[in-house]
Amino acid sequence: MDLFGSLSTGDTYGGDSETDEPQTASLQSLMSTSSSDLSTASTEGTNELIVLETPQCPISELSFYHGLGSRNALRARLIKAGDFLLFCDVEHDCKPSLLVLNYNCCFAGVFVFEQDEQGKFFIQQAKQPNASFPTIGEAVRNYKHSGTMLQVRTSGSFDLYILVREVDNPQYEQMHSYGAKGIHWTYLPFYHGHLPHDQLSSRLERNGDFLLLAANDQHLLRLCVRWNGTVKILKIKLQPNSGHYCLPRTNKLQPIEIVSSVEEYVKAVVAGRCVLDNCILKRPINCPVVPRWQYRCYECCIHATDCHQGVPKISLRPLCSLPYYLGEKWDPYELRDRFVSIGDYGIYFSTSTKRLILVVCHKFKAQRPTYMVFFNIAQTEDNMFHLERHSPTRSFNTVSELIDFYVDNRIKLVPRSLHASIRLLKPVENDDILRNERVVQSCHPEVLPYFFTLEQPGACKYMFEREGDFMLIQRTEDSGPSLCVLAKGQVKVVDLSSVERNGHYLLPRGHIAEPVEWVDSLDEFIKSSIVHGMPIFGLLPGRPVLRDSKLQRVRRSTFKTRN
């Protein structure tokens, strides 16, 4: 069955379409660009590299952004002095505003963000210089970390406010802060019963908003999401009472992880930012209380014995979205340089032994090889995961639960060849996360290691290995950069000139009423989309194809074609 409609596995890996015609690029044309790298970039003029720590976050992806609303309705969410949240004020032209609770918790000040001629944001303050910032998230972070005192003039005096604690959106908190509570699917707050399809658009307003529906009289459950400005019902179908739901995978080699409830499945998919049918689920939309029973049948209303909330489980994520999952490797010692202190740990799938491996740094000394120890992660007949040679009673449905158990309880592991024990202390993040944490500013696109000069986008196909692989290409000398992404086995190309203005790039928005935010470089634009799961003209870039790996991949694909 197609991966996006898979009922049995929920896999999200992609492959080459069998109907596509094979295309190859000449090795001579690739040699000229295969050795470029950031380290060899020119530092003269506009090619000077300025590296920032993280890409900018659009307003719609901030955890403390509460969407479109009124200040009176959101006031109740502020509890302690210094609590603050961000919203677009529907009573004042949807202007982005900051709501802050004062020192005695009696009044909440409202501070409206203004934009200067360059599109940067600031809060107007009397007798104070206005520092502007490229995004609202950057402005709020600066005001908080610098301890900026915000002023509101009342009755001839000034009330002072300071930002202390972000108040997360309840929708964000519901999905990311708590694990499953054992709620039956009929009692899930985002289950809308047999809601007619013509009413979906009015309930889903922002990109990533989703809800759960009953697809037919047999109550086959479907997820509905607003994505890229349109409402879409995902192909994945969930049997309501099967007690057997497989989490998404990005590769066939990854083991299948199974959870026992619809609630647990949805929360794991949201927390892991899994791509389902080229969409990402972000915010659950709860069913209104008044018409809740209007579109529910008898089975939707029947009292379930397990509908009561229990103690929340830990928040889990699929293996493919764990930050310390290091991918599929043949030689584990190529990871040696990533482990720099005792207790560093990560997980990889060994393509030689076909086993899932936990690797831990046991000894580390400068100028000497790192000593790593390995533990096989075994899977029982019931699809439970545990560490070999350790207590089989410590088995869990998912790998993330298994690792969290050993980390949180500080349980010592004893390697087979050593008598000394070791604890899991610090996860080693994978290459994709580390790559996206660094943003290159103030440079031409040609300097970026994933920029290629190609006239035929179809020649990119053999450069890609998995769903979401992307590169920037320039088809002609006079054209601007285009984004090339592998989506559902097909190479898709979009022109980026419409989101560029004088070297600045427009960040994607979750809603048309939200403010326009710009970033200063193409690299930051791409990485902001990756980190925060924002589509670029409907495409979701994932892993960049670097010029250094291009020649090797084309040689490999050419060899396969000849055979």
Protein backbone atom coordinates (compact mmCIF):
# COMPACT_ATOMS: atom_id res chain seq x y z
CA MET A 1 0.00 0.00 0.00
CA ASP A 2 1.18 3.56 -0.64
CA LEU A 3 3.25 4.87 2.24
CA PHE A 4 1.00 7.85 2.95
CA GLY A 5 -2.09 5.67 3.02
CA SER A 6 -0.49 2.82 4.91
CA LEU A 7 -2.72 1.49 7.63
CA SER A 8 -0.24 -1.09 8.84
CA THR A 9 2.96 0.92 9.19
CA GLY A 10 2.37 4.63 8.67
CA ASP A 11 5.77 4.78 6.94
CA THR A 12 6.93 8.09 5.50
CA TYR A 13 9.92 6.97 3.48
CA GLY A 14 9.99 7.63 -0.26
CA GLY A 15 11.48 5.96 -3.27
CA ASP A 16 12.09 6.52 -6.94
CA SER A 17 9.10 6.10 -9.17
CA GLU A 18 9.36 3.10 -11.47
CA THR A 19 7.73 5.01 -14.30
CA ASP A 20 10.28 7.81 -14.39
CA GLU A 21 12.72 7.75 -17.27
CA PRO A 22 16.35 7.36 -16.20
CA GLN A 23 18.43 10.50 -16.55
CA THR A 24 22.17 10.86 -16.04
CA ALA A 25 24.47 13.84 -15.88
CA SER A 26 27.92 13.79 -17.42
CA LEU A 27 30.80 13.37 -14.99
CA GLN A 28 32.68 16.19 -16.67
CA SER A 29 29.89 18.66 -15.90
CA LEU A 30 29.93 17.61 -12.25
CA MET A 31 33.66 17.83 -11.64
CA SER A 32 33.63 21.62 -11.74
CA THR A 33 31.33 21.92 -8.74
CA SER A 34 31.98 18.79 -6.71
CA SER A 35 34.75 20.15 -4.50
CA SER A 36 33.16 23.36 -3.26
CA ASP A 37 32.62 23.88 0.44
CA LEU A 38 31.95 26.63 2.93
CA SER A 39 35.54 26.48 4.09
CA THR A 40 36.79 27.47 0.62
CA ALA A 41 34.39 30.38 0.19
CA SER A 42 35.80 33.79 -0.57
CA THR A 43 35.84 36.32 2.22
CA GLU A 44 35.94 39.35 -0.04
CA GLY A 45 33.02 41.77 -0.47
CA THR A 46 29.57 40.23 -0.34
CA ASN A 47 30.99 36.72 -0.11
CA GLU A 48 32.04 37.23 3.50
CA LEU A 49 30.44 34.59 5.71
CA ILE A 50 28.64 35.51 8.89
CA VAL A 51 27.40 32.45 10.79
CA LEU A 52 24.48 32.77 13.22
CA GLU A 53 23.42 30.17 15.78
CA THR A 54 19.82 29.44 14.80
CA PRO A 55 17.41 30.45 12.02
CA GLN A 56 14.62 32.92 12.74
CA CYS A 57 11.29 31.54 13.93
CA PRO A 58 8.09 32.81 12.23
CA ILE A 59 5.46 34.21 14.57
CA SER A 60 3.07 31.34 13.84
CA GLU A 61 5.60 28.79 15.18
CA LEU A 62 6.33 30.48 18.51
CA SER A 63 5.06 28.37 21.41
CA PHE A 64 3.68 31.47 23.17
CA TYR A 65 1.82 32.77 20.10
CA HIS A 66 -1.92 32.37 20.76
CA GLY A 67 -3.20 33.15 17.27
CA LEU A 68 -5.93 35.61 16.40
CA GLY A 69 -7.92 36.80 19.41
CA SER A 70 -8.89 39.67 21.68
CA ARG A 71 -6.98 40.99 24.67
CA ASN A 72 -9.94 40.50 27.01
CA ALA A 73 -10.34 36.84 26.08
CA LEU A 74 -6.63 36.08 26.48
CA ARG A 75 -6.17 37.98 29.74
CA ALA A 76 -7.28 34.96 31.81
CA ARG A 77 -4.30 32.93 30.57
CA LEU A 78 -1.86 35.17 32.45
CA ILE A 79 -1.43 34.10 36.08
CA LYS A 80 1.82 35.37 37.59
CA ALA A 81 3.52 38.75 37.45
CA GLY A 82 5.58 39.04 34.28
CA ASP A 83 3.63 36.39 32.39
CA PHE A 84 3.30 37.33 28.73
CA LEU A 85 1.93 36.01 25.47
CA LEU A 86 1.80 37.06 21.84
CA PHE A 87 -1.35 37.40 19.71
CA CYS A 88 -2.83 39.20 16.71
CA ASP A 89 -5.48 41.59 18.02
CA VAL A 90 -8.68 41.09 16.01
CA GLU A 91 -10.16 44.24 17.57
CA HIS A 92 -7.31 46.40 16.23
CA ASP A 93 -6.68 45.34 12.61
CA CYS A 94 -4.97 42.06 13.64
CA LYS A 95 -1.84 43.91 14.71
CA PRO A 96 0.72 41.68 16.47
CA SER A 97 0.63 42.56 20.15
CA LEU A 98 2.30 41.56 23.40
CA LEU A 99 0.09 41.02 26.45
CA VAL A 100 1.97 41.31 29.78
CA LEU A 101 0.74 40.98 33.38
CA ASN A 102 1.97 43.70 35.75
CA TYR A 103 3.74 43.29 39.10
CA ASN A 104 0.58 43.08 41.27
CA CYS A 105 -1.27 40.81 38.81
CA CYS A 106 -4.14 43.30 38.52
CA PHE A 107 -3.62 44.77 35.07
CA ALA A 108 -2.35 43.50 31.74
CA GLY A 109 -0.50 45.89 29.46
CA VAL A 110 -0.84 45.64 25.69
CA PHE A 111 2.15 46.55 23.52
CA VAL A 112 1.65 46.76 19.77
CA PHE A 113 4.50 45.94 17.40
CA GLU A 114 5.24 48.51 14.72
CA GLN A 115 7.25 48.08 11.52
CA ASP A 116 9.82 50.46 10.08
CA GLU A 117 10.53 51.12 6.41
CA GLN A 118 12.76 48.05 6.20
CA GLY A 119 10.02 45.78 7.57
CA LYS A 120 11.67 45.29 10.97
CA PHE A 121 9.69 45.20 14.21
CA PHE A 122 9.84 47.30 17.37
CA ILE A 123 7.63 48.50 20.24
CA GLN A 124 7.24 52.27 20.39
CA GLN A 125 8.38 53.61 23.78
CA ALA A 126 8.37 57.23 24.93
CA LYS A 127 11.79 58.89 25.25
CA GLN A 128 13.59 55.66 24.34
CA PRO A 129 15.49 54.70 21.18
CA ASN A 130 13.64 52.11 19.13
CA ALA A 131 15.77 49.06 18.36
CA SER A 132 14.23 47.07 15.50
CA PHE A 133 14.45 43.35 14.78
CA PRO A 134 13.83 41.22 11.66
CA THR A 135 11.15 39.06 13.31
CA ILE A 136 8.76 39.42 16.21
CA GLY A 137 10.21 36.35 17.90
CA GLU A 138 13.68 37.90 17.85
CA ALA A 139 12.28 41.15 19.29
CA VAL A 140 10.53 39.37 22.17
CA ARG A 141 13.61 37.30 22.96
CA ASN A 142 15.75 40.45 23.06
CA TYR A 143 13.29 42.33 25.29
CA LYS A 144 13.20 39.41 27.73
CA HIS A 145 16.91 38.61 27.91
CA SER A 146 17.95 42.25 28.20
CA GLY A 147 15.35 42.97 30.91
CA THR A 148 13.77 45.81 28.92
CA MET A 149 11.18 47.78 30.91
CA LEU A 150 8.06 48.41 28.81
CA GLN A 151 5.99 51.47 29.69
CA VAL A 152 2.28 52.28 29.56
CA ARG A 153 1.14 55.81 30.36
CA THR A 154 -1.87 55.93 32.73
CA SER A 155 -3.27 58.93 34.67
CA GLY A 156 -0.17 61.05 34.19
CA SER A 157 2.28 58.33 35.26
CA PHE A 158 3.96 55.30 33.74
CA ASP A 159 3.22 51.67 34.57
CA LEU A 160 6.26 49.47 34.04
CA TYR A 161 6.19 45.91 32.71
CA ILE A 162 8.95 43.35 32.33
CA LEU A 163 8.87 40.03 30.46
CA VAL A 164 9.49 37.08 32.81
CA ARG A 165 7.75 33.91 31.60
CA GLU A 166 6.22 32.87 28.30
CA VAL A 167 2.72 31.44 28.54
CA ASP A 168 2.45 28.67 25.97
CA ASN A 169 -0.57 28.27 23.75
CA PRO A 170 -2.84 25.55 25.26
CA GLN A 171 -2.86 23.77 21.90
CA TYR A 172 0.94 23.64 21.88
CA GLU A 173 1.08 22.60 25.53
CA GLN A 174 -1.47 19.85 24.95
CA MET A 175 0.69 18.20 22.30
CA HIS A 176 4.25 18.86 23.49
CA SER A 177 4.25 19.15 27.28
CA TYR A 178 2.27 16.06 28.22
CA GLY A 179 2.16 12.49 27.00
CA ALA A 180 -0.91 10.35 26.49
CA LYS A 181 -3.41 10.24 29.36
CA GLY A 182 -5.30 7.13 28.30
CA ILE A 183 -8.27 8.98 26.79
CA HIS A 184 -10.59 6.92 24.59
CA TRP A 185 -10.83 8.20 21.02
CA THR A 186 -14.48 9.25 21.46
CA TYR A 187 -13.43 11.57 24.31
CA LEU A 188 -10.48 13.21 22.57
CA PRO A 189 -11.13 16.97 22.57
CA PHE A 190 -10.13 17.26 18.90
CA TYR A 191 -12.51 14.49 17.75
CA HIS A 192 -15.34 16.11 15.74
CA GLY A 193 -17.47 13.07 14.98
CA HIS A 194 -19.18 13.00 11.57
CA LEU A 195 -18.59 16.68 10.83
CA PRO A 196 -19.58 17.49 7.20
CA HIS A 197 -16.66 18.28 4.93
CA ASP A 198 -18.08 21.66 3.94
CA GLN A 199 -17.60 22.84 7.55
CA LEU A 200 -13.95 21.86 7.85
CA SER A 201 -12.60 25.09 6.37
CA SER A 202 -14.31 27.26 8.98
CA ARG A 203 -12.77 25.30 11.87
CA LEU A 204 -9.23 25.04 10.51
CA GLU A 205 -7.76 28.54 10.15
CA ARG A 206 -3.95 28.30 10.26
CA ASN A 207 -1.41 26.08 8.54
CA GLY A 208 -0.97 22.96 10.65
CA ASP A 209 -4.39 23.10 12.37
CA PHE A 210 -5.90 19.61 12.42
CA LEU A 211 -8.82 17.58 13.77
CA LEU A 212 -10.00 13.98 13.90
CA LEU A 213 -13.05 12.77 11.94
CA ALA A 214 -15.10 9.61 11.56
CA ALA A 215 -14.85 8.77 7.87
CA ASN A 216 -17.90 6.48 7.67
CA ASP A 217 -20.45 4.54 9.69
CA GLN A 218 -17.75 2.04 10.69
CA HIS A 219 -15.91 4.96 12.35
CA LEU A 220 -12.70 4.57 10.39
CA LEU A 221 -10.82 7.61 11.71
CA ARG A 222 -9.22 10.19 9.42
CA LEU A 223 -7.03 13.20 10.16
CA CYS A 224 -7.92 16.49 8.50
CA VAL A 225 -5.39 19.35 8.31
CA ARG A 226 -5.11 22.80 6.77
CA TRP A 227 -1.88 22.88 4.84
CA ASN A 228 -0.51 25.36 2.32
CA GLY A 229 -3.78 27.28 2.45
CA THR A 230 -6.07 24.34 1.66
CA VAL A 231 -7.96 21.79 3.77
CA LYS A 232 -6.79 18.24 3.21
CA ILE A 233 -7.97 14.86 4.51
CA LEU A 234 -4.94 12.61 4.94
CA LYS A 235 -4.87 9.17 3.35
CA ILE A 236 -3.94 7.45 6.60
CA LYS A 237 -6.85 5.54 8.13
CA LEU A 238 -6.94 4.58 11.80
CA GLN A 239 -9.01 1.64 13.03
CA PRO A 240 -10.78 3.07 16.11
CA ASN A 241 -10.47 0.13 18.51
CA SER A 242 -7.59 -1.93 17.14
CA GLY A 243 -5.11 -1.02 19.90
CA HIS A 244 -2.34 -1.36 17.32
CA TYR A 245 -1.00 1.81 15.65
CA CYS A 246 2.37 1.90 13.88
CA LEU A 247 4.40 5.09 14.12
CA PRO A 248 5.83 6.66 10.94
CA ARG A 249 9.23 5.68 9.57
CA THR A 250 11.49 7.42 7.06
CA ASN A 251 13.32 4.27 5.97
CA LYS A 252 12.34 0.63 5.53
CA LEU A 253 15.34 -0.44 7.61
CA GLN A 254 14.01 1.26 10.73
CA PRO A 255 12.11 -1.06 13.09
CA ILE A 256 8.36 -0.75 13.45
CA GLU A 257 7.20 0.96 16.65
CA ILE A 258 3.66 0.34 17.87
CA VAL A 259 1.48 2.34 20.26
CA SER A 260 -1.84 1.24 21.69
CA SER A 261 -4.16 4.24 21.29
CA VAL A 262 -5.18 6.92 18.81
CA GLU A 263 -4.26 9.58 21.36
CA GLU A 264 -0.72 8.24 21.70
CA TYR A 265 -0.30 7.98 17.94
CA VAL A 266 -1.41 11.56 17.27
CA LYS A 267 0.74 13.02 20.05
CA ALA A 268 3.82 11.14 18.86
CA VAL A 269 3.31 12.33 15.28
CA VAL A 270 2.89 15.95 16.38
CA ALA A 271 5.82 15.93 18.83
CA GLY A 272 8.07 14.34 16.20
CA ARG A 273 6.98 16.73 13.43
CA CYS A 274 6.43 13.71 11.21
CA VAL A 275 5.56 14.34 7.57
CA LEU A 276 2.30 12.60 6.67
CA ASP A 277 1.05 12.91 3.10
CA ASN A 278 3.37 15.92 2.65
CA CYS A 279 1.77 17.66 5.66
CA ILE A 280 2.80 18.30 9.27
CA LEU A 281 0.26 18.23 12.11
CA LYS A 282 0.85 21.08 14.57
CA ARG A 283 -2.19 22.32 16.53
CA PRO A 284 -5.28 20.28 17.45
CA ILE A 285 -8.56 22.13 17.08
CA ASN A 286 -10.93 21.16 19.86
CA CYS A 287 -14.57 20.52 19.11
CA PRO A 288 -16.84 23.31 20.47
CA VAL A 289 -18.78 22.32 23.58
CA VAL A 290 -22.23 23.47 22.42
CA PRO A 291 -22.50 21.61 19.06
CA ARG A 292 -20.30 18.71 20.19
CA TRP A 293 -23.09 16.13 20.02
CA GLN A 294 -24.66 17.49 16.85
CA TYR A 295 -22.61 15.29 14.52
CA ARG A 296 -22.14 12.28 16.76
CA CYS A 297 -23.94 8.97 16.50
CA TYR A 298 -24.65 6.46 19.27
CA GLU A 299 -21.22 4.82 19.02
CA CYS A 300 -19.53 8.23 19.23
CA CYS A 301 -21.34 8.93 22.50
CA ILE A 302 -21.15 5.52 24.15
CA HIS A 303 -19.42 5.47 27.51
CA ALA A 304 -16.00 3.83 27.29
CA THR A 305 -14.47 2.06 30.27
CA ASP A 306 -11.05 3.60 29.58
CA CYS A 307 -12.18 7.15 28.84
CA HIS A 308 -11.05 8.56 32.17
CA GLN A 309 -7.79 10.44 32.30
CA GLY A 310 -4.92 8.74 34.03
CA VAL A 311 -1.41 9.80 34.93
CA PRO A 312 0.17 11.29 31.78
CA LYS A 313 2.84 9.14 30.19
CA ILE A 314 6.09 10.66 29.06
CA SER A 315 5.91 12.41 25.72
CA LEU A 316 7.28 10.03 23.11
CA ARG A 317 8.53 10.47 19.55
CA PRO A 318 9.09 8.05 16.67
CA LEU A 319 12.62 6.75 16.18
CA CYS A 320 13.12 8.71 12.95
CA SER A 321 12.50 12.04 14.71
CA LEU A 322 14.73 11.45 17.75
CA PRO A 323 17.55 14.03 17.75
CA TYR A 324 20.07 11.35 18.75
CA TYR A 325 19.11 8.89 16.00
CA LEU A 326 22.22 9.02 13.82
CA GLY A 327 20.79 7.22 10.81
CA GLU A 328 21.77 4.07 8.97
CA LYS A 329 25.51 3.30 9.11
CA TRP A 330 27.78 0.55 7.83
CA ASP A 331 30.85 1.55 9.83
CA PRO A 332 30.01 2.90 13.31
CA TYR A 333 33.51 4.30 13.77
CA GLU A 334 32.77 7.08 11.32
CA LEU A 335 30.81 8.54 14.26
CA ARG A 336 33.87 8.53 16.53
CA ASP A 337 34.56 12.27 16.22
CA ARG A 338 31.04 13.11 17.41
CA PHE A 339 31.55 11.57 20.86
CA VAL A 340 33.65 13.98 22.92
CA SER A 341 32.89 13.13 26.56
CA ILE A 342 32.14 10.11 28.71
CA GLY A 343 28.43 9.26 28.67
CA ASP A 344 27.72 10.70 25.22
CA TYR A 345 25.23 8.40 23.49
CA GLY A 346 23.37 7.92 20.24
CA ILE A 347 21.46 5.32 18.25
CA TYR A 348 22.07 4.08 14.73
CA PHE A 349 20.89 1.22 12.55
CA SER A 350 23.71 -1.08 11.48
CA THR A 351 23.31 -1.96 7.81
CA SER A 352 25.87 -4.76 8.22
CA THR A 353 24.21 -6.60 11.13
CA LYS A 354 20.65 -5.34 10.52
CA ARG A 355 20.38 -4.40 14.17
CA LEU A 356 19.50 -1.24 16.05
CA ILE A 357 22.52 -0.21 18.14
CA LEU A 358 22.97 2.04 21.16
CA VAL A 359 26.49 3.48 21.17
CA VAL A 360 28.02 5.13 24.25
CA CYS A 361 31.34 6.90 24.79
CA HIS A 362 33.23 5.00 27.51
CA LYS A 363 36.61 6.74 27.42
CA PHE A 364 37.76 9.98 25.88
CA LYS A 365 41.18 11.60 25.96
CA ALA A 366 42.49 14.42 23.83
CA GLN A 367 44.78 13.36 20.97
CA ARG A 368 43.74 9.72 21.47
CA PRO A 369 41.06 7.55 19.86
CA THR A 370 37.63 7.59 21.46
CA TYR A 371 36.62 4.29 23.07
CA MET A 372 32.99 3.46 22.32
CA VAL A 373 30.85 0.58 23.55
CA PHE A 374 27.83 -0.87 21.78
CA PHE A 375 24.56 -2.35 23.03
CA ASN A 376 22.13 -4.20 20.79
CA ILE A 377 18.52 -3.07 21.03
CA ALA A 378 16.44 -6.20 20.63
CA GLN A 379 12.78 -6.48 19.66
CA THR A 380 10.54 -9.19 21.09
CA GLU A 381 7.77 -11.04 19.28
CA ASP A 382 5.35 -8.53 20.79
CA ASN A 383 7.32 -5.68 19.17
CA MET A 384 8.70 -4.50 22.52
CA PHE A 385 12.19 -3.00 22.70
CA HIS A 386 14.83 -3.81 25.32
CA LEU A 387 18.62 -3.88 25.68
CA GLU A 388 20.20 -7.28 25.19
CA ARG A 389 21.90 -8.79 28.25
CA HIS A 390 19.82 -6.54 30.48
CA SER A 391 16.56 -7.23 32.25
CA PRO A 392 13.91 -8.27 29.67
CA THR A 393 11.24 -6.86 31.97
CA ARG A 394 12.48 -3.41 31.02
CA SER A 395 10.76 -3.53 27.64
CA PHE A 396 8.91 -0.68 25.99
CA ASN A 397 6.75 -0.04 22.93
CA THR A 398 9.09 2.60 21.49
CA VAL A 399 12.81 3.28 21.44
CA SER A 400 12.35 6.75 22.93
CA GLU A 401 10.63 5.25 26.00
CA LEU A 402 13.46 2.73 26.39
CA ILE A 403 16.22 5.35 26.29
CA ASP A 404 14.30 7.79 28.50
CA PHE A 405 13.92 5.05 31.11
CA TYR A 406 17.69 4.52 31.38
CA VAL A 407 18.46 8.25 31.25
CA ASP A 408 15.85 9.46 33.74
CA ASN A 409 16.57 6.70 36.25
CA ARG A 410 20.37 6.94 35.84
CA ILE A 411 20.64 3.19 35.39
CA LYS A 412 24.16 1.90 34.80
CA LEU A 413 24.95 -0.20 31.74
CA VAL A 414 27.62 -2.89 31.82
CA PRO A 415 29.39 -3.59 28.50
CA ARG A 416 30.07 -7.21 27.62
CA SER A 417 33.87 -6.83 27.41
CA LEU A 418 34.31 -4.50 30.40
CA HIS A 419 33.71 -4.74 34.12
CA ALA A 420 33.14 -1.01 34.55
CA SER A 421 29.65 0.44 34.16
CA ILE A 422 28.51 3.55 32.35
CA ARG A 423 25.49 5.87 32.35
CA LEU A 424 23.76 7.67 29.50
CA LEU A 425 24.46 11.36 30.11
CA LYS A 426 24.31 13.47 26.95
CA PRO A 427 22.71 12.72 23.56
CA VAL A 428 24.76 13.27 20.41
CA GLU A 429 22.64 15.15 17.89
CA ASN A 430 22.50 13.96 14.30
CA ASP A 431 24.01 15.79 11.35
CA ASP A 432 20.71 17.22 10.11
CA ILE A 433 20.05 19.03 13.39
CA LEU A 434 23.61 20.32 13.72
CA ARG A 435 23.60 21.54 10.12
CA ASN A 436 20.38 23.50 10.57
CA GLU A 437 21.57 25.16 13.79
CA ARG A 438 24.06 27.28 11.85
CA VAL A 439 22.87 29.94 9.42
CA VAL A 440 25.09 31.58 6.81
CA GLN A 441 24.46 35.31 6.32
CA SER A 442 25.74 37.96 3.92
CA CYS A 443 26.83 35.78 1.03
CA HIS A 444 25.87 34.99 -2.55
CA PRO A 445 23.78 31.84 -3.02
CA GLU A 446 26.68 30.34 -4.99
CA VAL A 447 28.67 30.09 -1.75
CA LEU A 448 26.16 27.71 -0.16
CA PRO A 449 27.34 24.07 -0.30
CA TYR A 450 23.94 22.87 -1.59
CA PHE A 451 23.80 25.33 -4.53
CA PHE A 452 24.25 23.88 -8.04
CA THR A 453 24.36 25.34 -11.53
CA LEU A 454 22.20 22.98 -13.58
CA GLU A 455 20.15 23.63 -16.69
CA GLN A 456 18.00 20.49 -16.44
CA PRO A 457 16.17 19.95 -13.11
CA GLY A 458 15.52 16.35 -14.14
CA ALA A 459 19.24 15.65 -13.80
CA CYS A 460 18.85 16.18 -10.04
CA LYS A 461 16.98 12.93 -9.60
CA TYR A 462 20.00 10.71 -9.06
CA MET A 463 21.41 13.13 -6.51
CA PHE A 464 18.51 12.40 -4.16
CA GLU A 465 18.27 9.39 -1.88
CA ARG A 466 15.23 9.94 0.33
CA GLU A 467 12.08 11.98 0.66
CA GLY A 468 12.72 15.66 1.38
CA ASP A 469 16.24 15.79 -0.08
CA PHE A 470 16.74 19.20 -1.68
CA MET A 471 19.18 21.51 -3.42
CA LEU A 472 19.23 25.01 -4.83
CA ILE A 473 19.74 25.23 -8.58
CA GLN A 474 20.22 27.96 -11.16
CA ARG A 475 18.91 26.99 -14.57
CA THR A 476 20.41 29.90 -16.54
CA GLU A 477 22.96 32.62 -15.88
CA ASP A 478 20.26 35.29 -15.69
CA SER A 479 17.77 33.38 -13.53
CA GLY A 480 17.56 33.45 -9.77
CA PRO A 481 17.84 30.42 -7.48
CA SER A 482 15.16 27.74 -7.53
CA LEU A 483 14.39 25.14 -4.88
CA CYS A 484 14.50 21.52 -6.02
CA VAL A 485 12.92 18.93 -3.66
CA LEU A 486 12.21 15.21 -3.88
CA ALA A 487 8.51 14.88 -2.96
CA LYS A 488 6.62 11.58 -3.26
CA GLY A 489 9.30 10.14 -5.51
CA GLN A 490 9.12 13.07 -7.93
CA VAL A 491 11.57 15.94 -8.39
CA LYS A 492 9.69 19.22 -7.97
CA VAL A 493 11.13 22.68 -8.65
CA VAL A 494 9.81 26.07 -7.50
CA ASP A 495 11.15 29.52 -8.34
CA LEU A 496 12.05 31.65 -5.29
CA SER A 497 12.07 35.05 -7.00
CA SER A 498 8.54 35.86 -5.77
CA VAL A 499 9.62 35.68 -2.09
CA GLU A 500 12.82 37.72 -2.56
CA ARG A 501 13.20 41.47 -2.16
CA ASN A 502 16.60 43.17 -2.27
CA GLY A 503 18.36 40.10 -0.91
CA HIS A 504 15.76 39.49 1.82
CA TYR A 505 13.36 36.55 1.83
CA LEU A 506 9.76 36.36 3.02
CA LEU A 507 9.10 33.80 5.74
CA PRO A 508 6.06 31.54 5.27
CA ARG A 509 2.99 32.53 7.28
CA GLY A 510 0.47 30.37 9.09
CA HIS A 511 -2.42 32.76 8.38
CA ILE A 512 -2.94 35.57 5.90
CA ALA A 513 -3.71 38.04 8.73
CA GLU A 514 -0.34 37.46 10.42
CA PRO A 515 2.42 40.04 9.86
CA VAL A 516 4.97 39.76 7.08
CA GLU A 517 8.45 38.81 8.34
CA TRP A 518 11.70 38.85 6.37
CA VAL A 519 15.08 37.18 6.89
CA ASP A 520 18.42 38.41 5.63
CA SER A 521 19.66 35.44 3.61
CA LEU A 522 18.56 32.56 1.44
CA ASP A 523 20.21 30.05 3.77
CA GLU A 524 18.20 31.33 6.74
CA PHE A 525 15.00 31.21 4.68
CA ILE A 526 15.55 27.54 3.80
CA LYS A 527 16.66 26.46 7.28
CA SER A 528 13.81 28.30 8.99
CA SER A 529 11.41 26.29 6.84
CA ILE A 530 13.18 23.04 7.78
CA VAL A 531 13.49 23.65 11.52
CA HIS A 532 9.95 24.97 12.00
CA GLY A 533 8.17 22.77 9.44
CA MET A 534 6.88 25.56 7.20
CA PRO A 535 6.08 24.70 3.56
CA ILE A 536 7.69 26.61 0.70
CA PHE A 537 5.05 26.66 -2.05
CA GLY A 538 3.75 23.37 -0.72
CA LEU A 539 7.17 21.69 -0.53
CA LEU A 540 8.93 20.57 2.64
CA PRO A 541 12.73 20.54 2.29
CA GLY A 542 14.48 18.13 4.63
CA ARG A 543 18.12 17.19 4.01
CA PRO A 544 20.41 19.17 1.68
CA VAL A 545 22.37 17.47 -1.08
CA LEU A 546 25.92 18.81 -0.79
CA ARG A 547 28.22 19.37 -3.74
CA ASP A 548 30.93 17.14 -2.27
CA SER A 549 28.59 14.14 -2.34
CA LYS A 550 27.19 14.85 -5.78
CA LEU A 551 29.84 13.14 -7.93
CA GLN A 552 29.79 9.96 -5.85
CA ARG A 553 26.00 9.64 -6.11
CA VAL A 554 25.95 10.12 -9.89
CA ARG A 555 28.69 7.54 -10.37
CA ARG A 556 26.71 5.08 -8.27
CA SER A 557 23.47 5.71 -10.19
CA THR A 558 25.29 5.44 -13.54
CA PHE A 559 26.76 2.09 -12.50
CA LYS A 560 23.29 0.80 -11.56
CA THR A 561 21.86 1.94 -14.91
CA ARG A 562 24.55 0.10 -16.87
CA ASN A 563 23.92 -3.10 -14.95
